[in-house]
C-alpha cells in the first residue's frame, strides 16, 4: 500500500485536531490584550507547518537521489 493515502488521512485528522485546539485556546485568550492575541495567532498560524512538512516527506518515502532529507 502506498503511503500517500495514509498521509492524506493523517493530515486531515491532524488539521481538524489542530484547528479545534487552536480555536479553543483562542477563546481563552479573547479577554487578553490585542498584542497577546496577535502573537498567538502568528505562532498558531505557522506552527502547523512543521508536522505537515514531516508528513509529506514521510509519504514520499526514501528514494535514491531525490534530494530530500
PDB file of N, CA and C in Angstrom:
ATOM      1  N   UNK A   1       0.846  -1.190   0.000  1.00  0.00           N
ATOM      2  CA  UNK A   1       0.000   0.000   0.000  1.00  0.00           C
ATOM      3  C   UNK A   1       0.877   1.234   0.000  1.00  0.00           C
ATOM      4  N   UNK A   2       0.465   2.201  -0.751  1.00  0.00           N
ATOM      5  CA  UNK A   2       1.202   3.448  -0.841  1.00  0.00           C
ATOM      6  C   UNK A   2       1.060   4.256   0.445  1.00  0.00           C
ATOM      7  N   UNK A   3       2.049   5.063   0.712  1.00  0.00           N
ATOM      8  CA  UNK A   3       1.999   5.904   1.905  1.00  0.00           C
ATOM      9  C   UNK A   3       1.097   7.126   1.708  1.00  0.00           C
ATOM     10  N   UNK A   4       0.811   7.482   0.472  1.00  0.00           N
ATOM     11  CA  UNK A   4       0.038   8.695   0.196  1.00  0.00           C
ATOM     12  C   UNK A   4      -1.355   8.683   0.833  1.00  0.00           C
ATOM     13  N   UNK A   5      -2.141   7.601   0.709  1.00  0.00           N
ATOM     14  CA  UNK A   5      -3.464   7.626   1.360  1.00  0.00           C
ATOM     15  C   UNK A   5      -3.379   7.725   2.884  1.00  0.00           C
ATOM     16  N   UNK A   6      -2.367   7.086   3.460  1.00  0.00           N
ATOM     17  CA  UNK A   6      -2.181   7.166   4.906  1.00  0.00           C
ATOM     18  C   UNK A   6      -1.845   8.598   5.306  1.00  0.00           C
ATOM     19  N   UNK A   7      -0.960   9.225   4.530  1.00  0.00           N
ATOM     20  CA  UNK A   7      -0.573  10.607   4.814  1.00  0.00           C
ATOM     21  C   UNK A   7      -1.757  11.551   4.648  1.00  0.00           C
ATOM     22  N   UNK A   8      -2.589  11.305   3.654  1.00  0.00           N
ATOM     23  CA  UNK A   8      -3.771  12.142   3.444  1.00  0.00           C
ATOM     24  C   UNK A   8      -4.723  12.046   4.628  1.00  0.00           C
ATOM     25  N   UNK A   9      -5.009  10.839   5.066  1.00  0.00           N
ATOM     26  CA  UNK A   9      -5.902  10.643   6.210  1.00  0.00           C
ATOM     27  C   UNK A   9      -5.310  11.258   7.481  1.00  0.00           C
ATOM     28  N   UNK A  10      -4.024  11.034   7.695  1.00  0.00           N
ATOM     29  CA  UNK A  10      -3.371  11.594   8.881  1.00  0.00           C
ATOM     30  C   UNK A  10      -3.372  13.120   8.847  1.00  0.00           C
ATOM     31  N   UNK A  11      -3.169  13.696   7.667  1.00  0.00           N
ATOM     32  CA  UNK A  11      -3.149  15.160   7.589  1.00  0.00           C
ATOM     33  C   UNK A  11      -4.528  15.758   7.832  1.00  0.00           C
ATOM     34  N   UNK A  12      -5.576  15.103   7.351  1.00  0.00           N
ATOM     35  CA  UNK A  12      -6.939  15.595   7.608  1.00  0.00           C
ATOM     36  C   UNK A  12      -7.250  15.533   9.099  1.00  0.00           C
ATOM     37  N   UNK A  13      -6.906  14.406   9.723  1.00  0.00           N
ATOM     38  CA  UNK A  13      -7.131  14.271  11.170  1.00  0.00           C
ATOM     39  C   UNK A  13      -6.319  15.310  11.931  1.00  0.00           C
ATOM     40  N   UNK A  14      -5.050  15.511  11.524  1.00  0.00           N
ATOM     41  CA  UNK A  14      -4.176  16.498  12.171  1.00  0.00           C
ATOM     42  C   UNK A  14      -4.774  17.901  12.059  1.00  0.00           C
ATOM     43  N   UNK A  15      -5.236  18.294  10.861  1.00  0.00           N
ATOM     44  CA  UNK A  15      -5.787  19.632  10.687  1.00  0.00           C
ATOM     45  C   UNK A  15      -7.030  19.844  11.548  1.00  0.00           C
ATOM     46  N   UNK A  16      -7.905  18.868  11.592  1.00  0.00           N
ATOM     47  CA  UNK A  16      -9.123  19.005  12.397  1.00  0.00           C
ATOM     48  C   UNK A  16      -8.767  19.160  13.876  1.00  0.00           C
ATOM     49  N   UNK A  17      -7.864  18.324  14.366  1.00  0.00           N
ATOM     50  CA  UNK A  17      -7.469  18.404  15.776  1.00  0.00           C
ATOM     51  C   UNK A  17      -6.742  19.718  16.064  1.00  0.00           C
ATOM     52  N   UNK A  18      -5.865  20.140  15.169  1.00  0.00           N
ATOM     53  CA  UNK A  18      -5.108  21.377  15.376  1.00  0.00           C
ATOM     54  C   UNK A  18      -6.040  22.587  15.387  1.00  0.00           C
ATOM     55  N   UNK A  19      -6.958  22.632  14.452  1.00  0.00           N
ATOM     56  CA  UNK A  19      -7.896  23.759  14.383  1.00  0.00           C
ATOM     57  C   UNK A  19      -8.767  23.794  15.637  1.00  0.00           C
ATOM     58  N   UNK A  20      -9.241  22.627  16.081  1.00  0.00           N
ATOM     59  CA  UNK A  20     -10.071  22.587  17.295  1.00  0.00           C
ATOM     60  C   UNK A  20      -9.283  23.090  18.500  1.00  0.00           C
ATOM     61  N   UNK A  21      -8.047  22.658  18.630  1.00  0.00           N
ATOM     62  CA  UNK A  21      -7.216  23.116  19.743  1.00  0.00           C
ATOM     63  C   UNK A  21      -6.879  24.595  19.658  1.00  0.00           C
ATOM     64  N   UNK A  22      -6.574  25.055  18.461  1.00  0.00           N
ATOM     65  CA  UNK A  22      -6.225  26.468  18.286  1.00  0.00           C
ATOM     66  C   UNK A  22      -7.414  27.383  18.575  1.00  0.00           C
ATOM     67  N   UNK A  23      -8.591  26.975  18.158  1.00  0.00           N
ATOM     68  CA  UNK A  23      -9.789  27.777  18.415  1.00  0.00           C
ATOM     69  C   UNK A  23     -10.133  27.770  19.904  1.00  0.00           C
ATOM     70  N   UNK A  24      -9.992  26.611  20.545  1.00  0.00           N
ATOM     71  CA  UNK A  24     -10.278  26.530  21.986  1.00  0.00           C
ATOM     72  C   UNK A  24      -9.322  27.422  22.776  1.00  0.00           C
ATOM     73  N   UNK A  25      -8.046  27.402  22.409  1.00  0.00           N
ATOM     74  CA  UNK A  25      -7.078  28.257  23.088  1.00  0.00           C
ATOM     75  C   UNK A  25      -7.322  29.733  22.774  1.00  0.00           C
ATOM     76  N   UNK A  26      -7.728  30.029  21.552  1.00  0.00           N
ATOM     77  CA  UNK A  26      -8.033  31.416  21.185  1.00  0.00           C
ATOM     78  C   UNK A  26      -9.205  31.961  21.998  1.00  0.00           C
ATOM     79  N   UNK A  27     -10.174  31.106  22.288  1.00  0.00           N
ATOM     80  CA  UNK A  27     -11.297  31.538  23.126  1.00  0.00           C
ATOM     81  C   UNK A  27     -10.833  31.924  24.532  1.00  0.00           C
ATOM     82  N   UNK A  28      -9.852  31.192  25.044  1.00  0.00           N
ATOM     83  CA  UNK A  28      -9.313  31.528  26.364  1.00  0.00           C
ATOM     84  C   UNK A  28      -8.532  32.844  26.347  1.00  0.00           C
ATOM     85  N   UNK A  29      -7.953  33.161  25.200  1.00  0.00           N
ATOM     86  CA  UNK A  29      -7.156  34.387  25.081  1.00  0.00           C
ATOM     87  C   UNK A  29      -7.989  35.608  24.674  1.00  0.00           C
ATOM     88  N   UNK A  30      -9.275  35.419  24.421  1.00  0.00           N
ATOM     89  CA  UNK A  30     -10.124  36.510  23.942  1.00  0.00           C
ATOM     90  C   UNK A  30     -10.138  37.733  24.863  1.00  0.00           C
ATOM     91  N   UNK A  31     -10.169  37.579  26.188  1.00  0.00           N
ATOM     92  CA  UNK A  31     -10.201  38.776  27.026  1.00  0.00           C
ATOM     93  C   UNK A  31      -8.833  39.463  27.172  1.00  0.00           C
ATOM     94  N   UNK A  32      -7.797  38.870  26.668  1.00  0.00           N
ATOM     95  CA  UNK A  32      -6.459  39.442  26.842  1.00  0.00           C
ATOM     96  C   UNK A  32      -6.204  40.583  25.855  1.00  0.00           C
ATOM     97  N   UNK A  33      -5.101  41.274  26.065  1.00  0.00           N
ATOM     98  CA  UNK A  33      -4.695  42.405  25.233  1.00  0.00           C
ATOM     99  C   UNK A  33      -4.536  41.970  23.782  1.00  0.00           C
ATOM    100  N   UNK A  34      -4.802  42.887  22.856  1.00  0.00           N
ATOM    101  CA  UNK A  34      -4.743  42.554  21.437  1.00  0.00           C
ATOM    102  C   UNK A  34      -3.341  42.119  21.001  1.00  0.00           C
ATOM    103  N   UNK A  35      -2.298  42.622  21.661  1.00  0.00           N
ATOM    104  CA  UNK A  35      -0.934  42.244  21.291  1.00  0.00           C
ATOM    105  C   UNK A  35      -0.670  40.770  21.624  1.00  0.00           C
ATOM    106  N   UNK A  36      -1.201  40.307  22.746  1.00  0.00           N
ATOM    107  CA  UNK A  36      -1.064  38.897  23.117  1.00  0.00           C
ATOM    108  C   UNK A  36      -1.792  38.032  22.090  1.00  0.00           C
ATOM    109  N   UNK A  37      -2.971  38.451  21.690  1.00  0.00           N
ATOM    110  CA  UNK A  37      -3.729  37.717  20.692  1.00  0.00           C
ATOM    111  C   UNK A  37      -3.002  37.691  19.347  1.00  0.00           C
ATOM    112  N   UNK A  38      -2.391  38.806  18.981  1.00  0.00           N
ATOM    113  CA  UNK A  38      -1.665  38.877  17.707  1.00  0.00           C
ATOM    114  C   UNK A  38      -0.489  37.913  17.701  1.00  0.00           C
ATOM    115  N   UNK A  39       0.255  37.870  18.795  1.00  0.00           N
ATOM    116  CA  UNK A  39       1.386  36.938  18.878  1.00  0.00           C
ATOM    117  C   UNK A  39       0.883  35.503  18.815  1.00  0.00           C
ATOM    118  N   UNK A  40      -0.196  35.225  19.518  1.00  0.00           N
ATOM    119  CA  UNK A  40      -0.756  33.872  19.493  1.00  0.00           C
ATOM    120  C   UNK A  40      -1.145  33.466  18.074  1.00  0.00           C
ATOM    121  N   UNK A  41      -1.857  34.325  17.372  1.00  0.00           N
ATOM    122  CA  UNK A  41      -2.302  33.971  16.027  1.00  0.00           C
ATOM    123  C   UNK A  41      -1.140  33.864  15.047  1.00  0.00           C
ATOM    124  N   UNK A  42      -0.105  34.645  15.238  1.00  0.00           N
ATOM    125  CA  UNK A  42       1.092  34.493  14.395  1.00  0.00           C
ATOM    126  C   UNK A  42       1.752  33.136  14.629  1.00  0.00           C
ATOM    127  N   UNK A  43       1.899  32.767  15.892  1.00  0.00           N
ATOM    128  CA  UNK A  43       2.523  31.481  16.219  1.00  0.00           C
ATOM    129  C   UNK A  43       1.622  30.324  15.779  1.00  0.00           C
ATOM    130  N   UNK A  44       0.349  30.402  16.080  1.00  0.00           N
ATOM    131  CA  UNK A  44      -0.580  29.326  15.723  1.00  0.00           C
ATOM    132  C   UNK A  44      -0.727  29.193  14.211  1.00  0.00           C
ATOM    133  N   UNK A  45      -0.571  30.287  13.505  1.00  0.00           N
ATOM    134  CA  UNK A  45      -0.682  30.250  12.049  1.00  0.00           C
ATOM    135  C   UNK A  45       0.499  29.596  11.363  1.00  0.00           C
ATOM    136  N   UNK A  46       1.621  29.494  12.059  1.00  0.00           N
ATOM    137  CA  UNK A  46       2.827  28.917  11.471  1.00  0.00           C
ATOM    138  C   UNK A  46       3.155  27.546  12.062  1.00  0.00           C
ATOM    139  N   UNK A  47       2.723  27.286  13.264  1.00  0.00           N
ATOM    140  CA  UNK A  47       3.116  26.084  13.998  1.00  0.00           C
ATOM    141  C   UNK A  47       2.663  24.784  13.342  1.00  0.00           C
ATOM    142  N   UNK A  48       1.589  24.812  12.594  1.00  0.00           N
ATOM    143  CA  UNK A  48       1.073  23.603  11.968  1.00  0.00           C
ATOM    144  C   UNK A  48       1.942  23.116  10.821  1.00  0.00           C
ATOM    145  N   UNK A  49       2.808  23.974  10.297  1.00  0.00           N
ATOM    146  CA  UNK A  49       3.580  23.647   9.101  1.00  0.00           C
ATOM    147  C   UNK A  49       4.577  22.511   9.345  1.00  0.00           C
ATOM    148  N   UNK A  50       5.254  22.506  10.492  1.00  0.00           N
ATOM    149  CA  UNK A  50       6.276  21.502  10.767  1.00  0.00           C
ATOM    150  C   UNK A  50       5.781  20.074  10.658  1.00  0.00           C
ATOM    151  N   UNK A  51       4.711  19.715  11.360  1.00  0.00           N
ATOM    152  CA  UNK A  51       4.215  18.341  11.236  1.00  0.00           C
ATOM    153  C   UNK A  51       3.740  17.987   9.826  1.00  0.00           C
ATOM    154  N   UNK A  52       3.186  18.947   9.111  1.00  0.00           N
ATOM    155  CA  UNK A  52       2.714  18.667   7.753  1.00  0.00           C
ATOM    156  C   UNK A  52       3.889  18.429   6.808  1.00  0.00           C
ATOM    157  N   UNK A  53       4.949  19.210   6.956  1.00  0.00           N
ATOM    158  CA  UNK A  53       6.138  19.005   6.128  1.00  0.00           C
ATOM    159  C   UNK A  53       6.730  17.622   6.407  1.00  0.00           C
ATOM    160  N   UNK A  54       6.810  17.252   7.679  1.00  0.00           N
ATOM    161  CA  UNK A  54       7.326  15.933   8.020  1.00  0.00           C
ATOM    162  C   UNK A  54       6.461  14.836   7.400  1.00  0.00           C
ATOM    163  N   UNK A  55       5.154  14.998   7.481  1.00  0.00           N
ATOM    164  CA  UNK A  55       4.238  14.001   6.944  1.00  0.00           C
ATOM    165  C   UNK A  55       4.362  13.896   5.423  1.00  0.00           C
ATOM    166  N   UNK A  56       4.529  15.014   4.753  1.00  0.00           N
ATOM    167  CA  UNK A  56       4.691  14.988   3.298  1.00  0.00           C
ATOM    168  C   UNK A  56       5.996  14.299   2.911  1.00  0.00           C
ATOM    169  N   UNK A  57       7.055  14.589   3.634  1.00  0.00           N
ATOM    170  CA  UNK A  57       8.331  13.921   3.354  1.00  0.00           C
ATOM    171  C   UNK A  57       8.236  12.426   3.630  1.00  0.00           C
ATOM    172  N   UNK A  58       7.543  12.056   4.699  1.00  0.00           N
ATOM    173  CA  UNK A  58       7.366  10.648   5.010  1.00  0.00           C
ATOM    174  C   UNK A  58       6.579   9.953   3.912  1.00  0.00           C
ATOM    175  N   UNK A  59       5.557  10.604   3.389  1.00  0.00           N
ATOM    176  CA  UNK A  59       4.717   9.983   2.366  1.00  0.00           C
ATOM    177  C   UNK A  59       5.484   9.728   1.074  1.00  0.00           C
ATOM    178  N   UNK A  60       6.519  10.525   0.816  1.00  0.00           N
ATOM    179  CA  UNK A  60       7.336  10.292  -0.371  1.00  0.00           C
ATOM    180  C   UNK A  60       8.233   9.084  -0.211  1.00  0.00           C
ATOM    181  N   UNK A  61       8.555   8.751   1.016  1.00  0.00           N
ATOM    182  CA  UNK A  61       9.430   7.616   1.268  1.00  0.00           C
ATOM    183  C   UNK A  61      10.873   7.964   0.949  1.00  0.00           C
ATOM    184  N   UNK A  62      11.760   7.014   1.206  1.00  0.00           N
ATOM    185  CA  UNK A  62      13.178   7.223   0.911  1.00  0.00           C
ATOM    186  C   UNK A  62      13.474   6.712  -0.489  1.00  0.00           C
ATOM    187  N   UNK A  63      13.883   7.639  -1.321  1.00  0.00           N
ATOM    188  CA  UNK A  63      14.250   7.280  -2.687  1.00  0.00           C
ATOM    189  C   UNK A  63      15.682   7.732  -2.939  1.00  0.00           C
ATOM    190  N   UNK A  64      16.398   6.984  -3.706  1.00  0.00           N
ATOM    191  CA  UNK A  64      17.777   7.329  -4.014  1.00  0.00           C
ATOM    192  C   UNK A  64      17.791   8.598  -4.867  1.00  0.00           C
ATOM    193  N   UNK A  65      18.585   9.570  -4.434  1.00  0.00           N
ATOM    194  CA  UNK A  65      18.810  10.766  -5.243  1.00  0.00           C
ATOM    195  C   UNK A  65      17.653  11.734  -5.337  1.00  0.00           C
ATOM    196  N   UNK A  66      16.691  11.657  -4.440  1.00  0.00           N
ATOM    197  CA  UNK A  66      15.561  12.593  -4.538  1.00  0.00           C
ATOM    198  C   UNK A  66      15.888  13.951  -3.944  1.00  0.00           C
ATOM    199  N   UNK A  67      16.961  14.054  -3.183  1.00  0.00           N
ATOM    200  CA  UNK A  67      17.387  15.337  -2.641  1.00  0.00           C
ATOM    201  C   UNK A  67      16.707  15.723  -1.347  1.00  0.00           C
ATOM    202  N   UNK A  68      15.711  14.986  -0.906  1.00  0.00           N
ATOM    203  CA  UNK A  68      15.049  15.304   0.363  1.00  0.00           C
ATOM    204  C   UNK A  68      15.742  14.601   1.499  1.00  0.00           C
ATOM    205  N   UNK A  69      15.829  15.248   2.616  1.00  0.00           N
ATOM    206  CA  UNK A  69      16.477  14.645   3.774  1.00  0.00           C
ATOM    207  C   UNK A  69      15.524  14.579   4.932  1.00  0.00           C
TER     208      UNK A  69
END
